[in-house]
Amino acid sequence: MSIRPISEAKCPDLRGSVAAMQRAAELAREIAIQTNTGIVIVRDGQIVHVSAAELREVAANNAGTRTTE
């Protein structure tokens, strides 16, 4: 049995789910920065606590590299 990419799913909701999760993650990071709270993520299979300060640093570094579409 071969595993097809989610982008090839028949259900449009399923095809859009990855983008929706990415938007939700970005919003969670923004809220964590605004409220000065950390978030918990899974990175490389490990649970990682990320502080608001770390999130601010990453956001500042990414601000200069983003392009508008």
N, C-alpha and C. Protein backbone atom coordinates (compact mmCIF):
# COMPACT_ATOMS: atom_id res chain seq x y z
N MET A 1 0.84 -1.18 0.00
CA MET A 1 0.00 0.00 0.00
C MET A 1 0.88 1.24 0.00
N SER A 2 0.64 2.12 -0.96
CA SER A 2 1.42 3.35 -1.01
C SER A 2 0.69 4.47 -0.28
N ILE A 3 1.46 5.34 0.30
CA ILE A 3 0.88 6.48 1.02
C ILE A 3 0.95 7.69 0.10
N ARG A 4 -0.23 8.26 -0.18
CA ARG A 4 -0.29 9.43 -1.05
C ARG A 4 -0.12 10.70 -0.23
N PRO A 5 0.44 11.73 -0.84
CA PRO A 5 0.55 13.01 -0.14
C PRO A 5 -0.84 13.57 0.18
N ILE A 6 -0.94 14.29 1.29
CA ILE A 6 -2.23 14.85 1.70
C ILE A 6 -2.75 15.84 0.66
N SER A 7 -1.85 16.43 -0.12
CA SER A 7 -2.26 17.39 -1.15
C SER A 7 -3.06 16.72 -2.26
N GLU A 8 -3.01 15.39 -2.33
CA GLU A 8 -3.76 14.64 -3.34
C GLU A 8 -5.05 14.05 -2.79
N ALA A 9 -5.41 14.39 -1.56
CA ALA A 9 -6.64 13.85 -0.96
C ALA A 9 -7.86 14.30 -1.74
N LYS A 10 -8.88 13.45 -1.78
CA LYS A 10 -10.12 13.79 -2.47
C LYS A 10 -10.91 14.85 -1.72
N CYS A 11 -10.84 14.83 -0.41
CA CYS A 11 -11.61 15.75 0.42
C CYS A 11 -10.91 17.12 0.47
N PRO A 12 -11.60 18.18 0.05
CA PRO A 12 -10.97 19.51 0.07
C PRO A 12 -10.61 19.97 1.48
N ASP A 13 -11.40 19.57 2.48
CA ASP A 13 -11.07 19.94 3.86
C ASP A 13 -9.75 19.31 4.29
N LEU A 14 -9.54 18.08 3.90
CA LEU A 14 -8.30 17.39 4.24
C LEU A 14 -7.11 18.03 3.52
N ARG A 15 -7.30 18.39 2.25
CA ARG A 15 -6.22 19.04 1.50
C ARG A 15 -5.83 20.36 2.15
N GLY A 16 -6.79 21.08 2.71
CA GLY A 16 -6.51 22.37 3.32
C GLY A 16 -6.08 22.30 4.77
N SER A 17 -6.07 21.10 5.34
CA SER A 17 -5.80 20.98 6.78
C SER A 17 -4.37 21.35 7.15
N VAL A 18 -3.41 21.08 6.30
CA VAL A 18 -2.02 21.41 6.62
C VAL A 18 -1.85 22.92 6.71
N ALA A 19 -2.39 23.64 5.75
CA ALA A 19 -2.31 25.10 5.78
C ALA A 19 -3.03 25.66 7.00
N ALA A 20 -4.16 25.07 7.36
CA ALA A 20 -4.91 25.53 8.53
C ALA A 20 -4.10 25.31 9.81
N MET A 21 -3.42 24.18 9.91
CA MET A 21 -2.59 23.93 11.10
C MET A 21 -1.41 24.89 11.16
N GLN A 22 -0.85 25.23 10.00
CA GLN A 22 0.26 26.19 9.98
C GLN A 22 -0.21 27.57 10.42
N ARG A 23 -1.41 27.98 9.96
CA ARG A 23 -1.96 29.27 10.39
C ARG A 23 -2.23 29.27 11.89
N ALA A 24 -2.77 28.18 12.41
CA ALA A 24 -3.06 28.07 13.84
C ALA A 24 -1.77 28.13 14.66
N ALA A 25 -0.71 27.50 14.19
CA ALA A 25 0.57 27.53 14.90
C ALA A 25 1.13 28.94 14.93
N GLU A 26 1.04 29.65 13.82
CA GLU A 26 1.52 31.04 13.77
C GLU A 26 0.73 31.92 14.73
N LEU A 27 -0.58 31.74 14.76
CA LEU A 27 -1.42 32.52 15.68
C LEU A 27 -1.07 32.19 17.13
N ALA A 28 -0.81 30.93 17.43
CA ALA A 28 -0.42 30.54 18.79
C ALA A 28 0.88 31.21 19.19
N ARG A 29 1.84 31.28 18.25
CA ARG A 29 3.10 31.96 18.55
C ARG A 29 2.88 33.45 18.80
N GLU A 30 2.03 34.09 17.99
CA GLU A 30 1.74 35.52 18.16
C GLU A 30 1.08 35.78 19.51
N ILE A 31 0.13 34.95 19.89
CA ILE A 31 -0.56 35.12 21.18
C ILE A 31 0.41 34.90 22.33
N ALA A 32 1.29 33.92 22.21
CA ALA A 32 2.28 33.66 23.26
C ALA A 32 3.20 34.87 23.44
N ILE A 33 3.59 35.50 22.36
CA ILE A 33 4.43 36.69 22.45
C ILE A 33 3.66 37.83 23.12
N GLN A 34 2.41 38.04 22.71
CA GLN A 34 1.60 39.13 23.27
C GLN A 34 1.34 38.95 24.76
N THR A 35 1.18 37.72 25.20
CA THR A 35 0.84 37.45 26.60
C THR A 35 2.06 37.07 27.43
N ASN A 36 3.23 37.09 26.79
CA ASN A 36 4.49 36.76 27.46
C ASN A 36 4.46 35.37 28.10
N THR A 37 3.93 34.43 27.35
CA THR A 37 3.90 33.04 27.80
C THR A 37 4.63 32.16 26.80
N GLY A 38 5.10 31.05 27.25
CA GLY A 38 5.78 30.11 26.37
C GLY A 38 4.79 29.16 25.72
N ILE A 39 5.30 28.38 24.80
CA ILE A 39 4.49 27.34 24.17
C ILE A 39 5.26 26.02 24.27
N VAL A 40 4.56 24.94 24.05
CA VAL A 40 5.17 23.61 24.04
C VAL A 40 4.98 23.04 22.65
N ILE A 41 6.08 22.59 22.05
CA ILE A 41 6.03 22.02 20.71
C ILE A 41 6.75 20.68 20.71
N VAL A 42 6.60 19.95 19.63
CA VAL A 42 7.37 18.73 19.43
C VAL A 42 8.34 19.01 18.29
N ARG A 43 9.62 18.89 18.59
CA ARG A 43 10.67 19.13 17.59
C ARG A 43 11.56 17.89 17.55
N ASP A 44 11.67 17.30 16.39
CA ASP A 44 12.47 16.08 16.21
C ASP A 44 12.06 14.99 17.19
N GLY A 45 10.75 14.87 17.43
CA GLY A 45 10.23 13.83 18.30
C GLY A 45 10.37 14.10 19.78
N GLN A 46 10.88 15.27 20.14
CA GLN A 46 11.08 15.62 21.55
C GLN A 46 10.17 16.77 21.93
N ILE A 47 9.63 16.74 23.15
CA ILE A 47 8.82 17.84 23.66
C ILE A 47 9.76 18.97 24.05
N VAL A 48 9.47 20.17 23.53
CA VAL A 48 10.33 21.33 23.76
C VAL A 48 9.49 22.49 24.27
N HIS A 49 9.94 23.14 25.34
CA HIS A 49 9.30 24.35 25.86
C HIS A 49 10.02 25.55 25.25
N VAL A 50 9.26 26.44 24.61
CA VAL A 50 9.83 27.61 23.96
C VAL A 50 9.29 28.84 24.68
N SER A 51 10.19 29.67 25.19
CA SER A 51 9.79 30.86 25.94
C SER A 51 9.33 31.96 24.99
N ALA A 52 8.61 32.93 25.55
CA ALA A 52 8.17 34.08 24.76
C ALA A 52 9.37 34.84 24.22
N ALA A 53 10.44 34.92 25.00
CA ALA A 53 11.65 35.61 24.55
C ALA A 53 12.24 34.93 23.31
N GLU A 54 12.27 33.60 23.32
CA GLU A 54 12.77 32.87 22.15
C GLU A 54 11.87 33.09 20.95
N LEU A 55 10.56 33.12 21.18
CA LEU A 55 9.61 33.35 20.09
C LEU A 55 9.81 34.74 19.50
N ARG A 56 10.04 35.74 20.36
CA ARG A 56 10.28 37.11 19.88
C ARG A 56 11.55 37.16 19.02
N GLU A 57 12.59 36.46 19.47
CA GLU A 57 13.85 36.44 18.73
C GLU A 57 13.66 35.83 17.35
N VAL A 58 12.96 34.71 17.29
CA VAL A 58 12.70 34.05 16.01
C VAL A 58 11.85 34.94 15.11
N ALA A 59 10.83 35.58 15.69
CA ALA A 59 9.96 36.46 14.91
C ALA A 59 10.75 37.64 14.35
N ALA A 60 11.65 38.20 15.16
CA ALA A 60 12.47 39.33 14.70
C ALA A 60 13.40 38.89 13.57
N ASN A 61 13.97 37.70 13.69
CA ASN A 61 14.86 37.20 12.64
C ASN A 61 14.10 36.90 11.35
N ASN A 62 12.87 36.41 11.48
CA ASN A 62 12.07 36.07 10.31
C ASN A 62 11.46 37.30 9.65
N ALA A 63 11.29 38.38 10.39
CA ALA A 63 10.65 39.58 9.85
C ALA A 63 11.44 40.14 8.67
N GLY A 64 12.73 40.05 8.71
CA GLY A 64 13.56 40.57 7.63
C GLY A 64 13.63 39.66 6.43
N THR A 65 13.24 38.40 6.59
CA THR A 65 13.38 37.44 5.49
C THR A 65 12.07 37.15 4.78
N ARG A 66 10.96 37.68 5.29
CA ARG A 66 9.66 37.40 4.67
C ARG A 66 9.45 38.26 3.44
N THR A 67 8.74 37.68 2.48
CA THR A 67 8.36 38.42 1.28
C THR A 67 6.86 38.40 1.17
N THR A 68 6.30 39.41 0.54
CA THR A 68 4.85 39.45 0.34
C THR A 68 4.51 38.79 -0.97
N GLU A 69 3.37 38.14 -1.00
CA GLU A 69 2.95 37.42 -2.22
C GLU A 69 1.84 38.17 -2.88
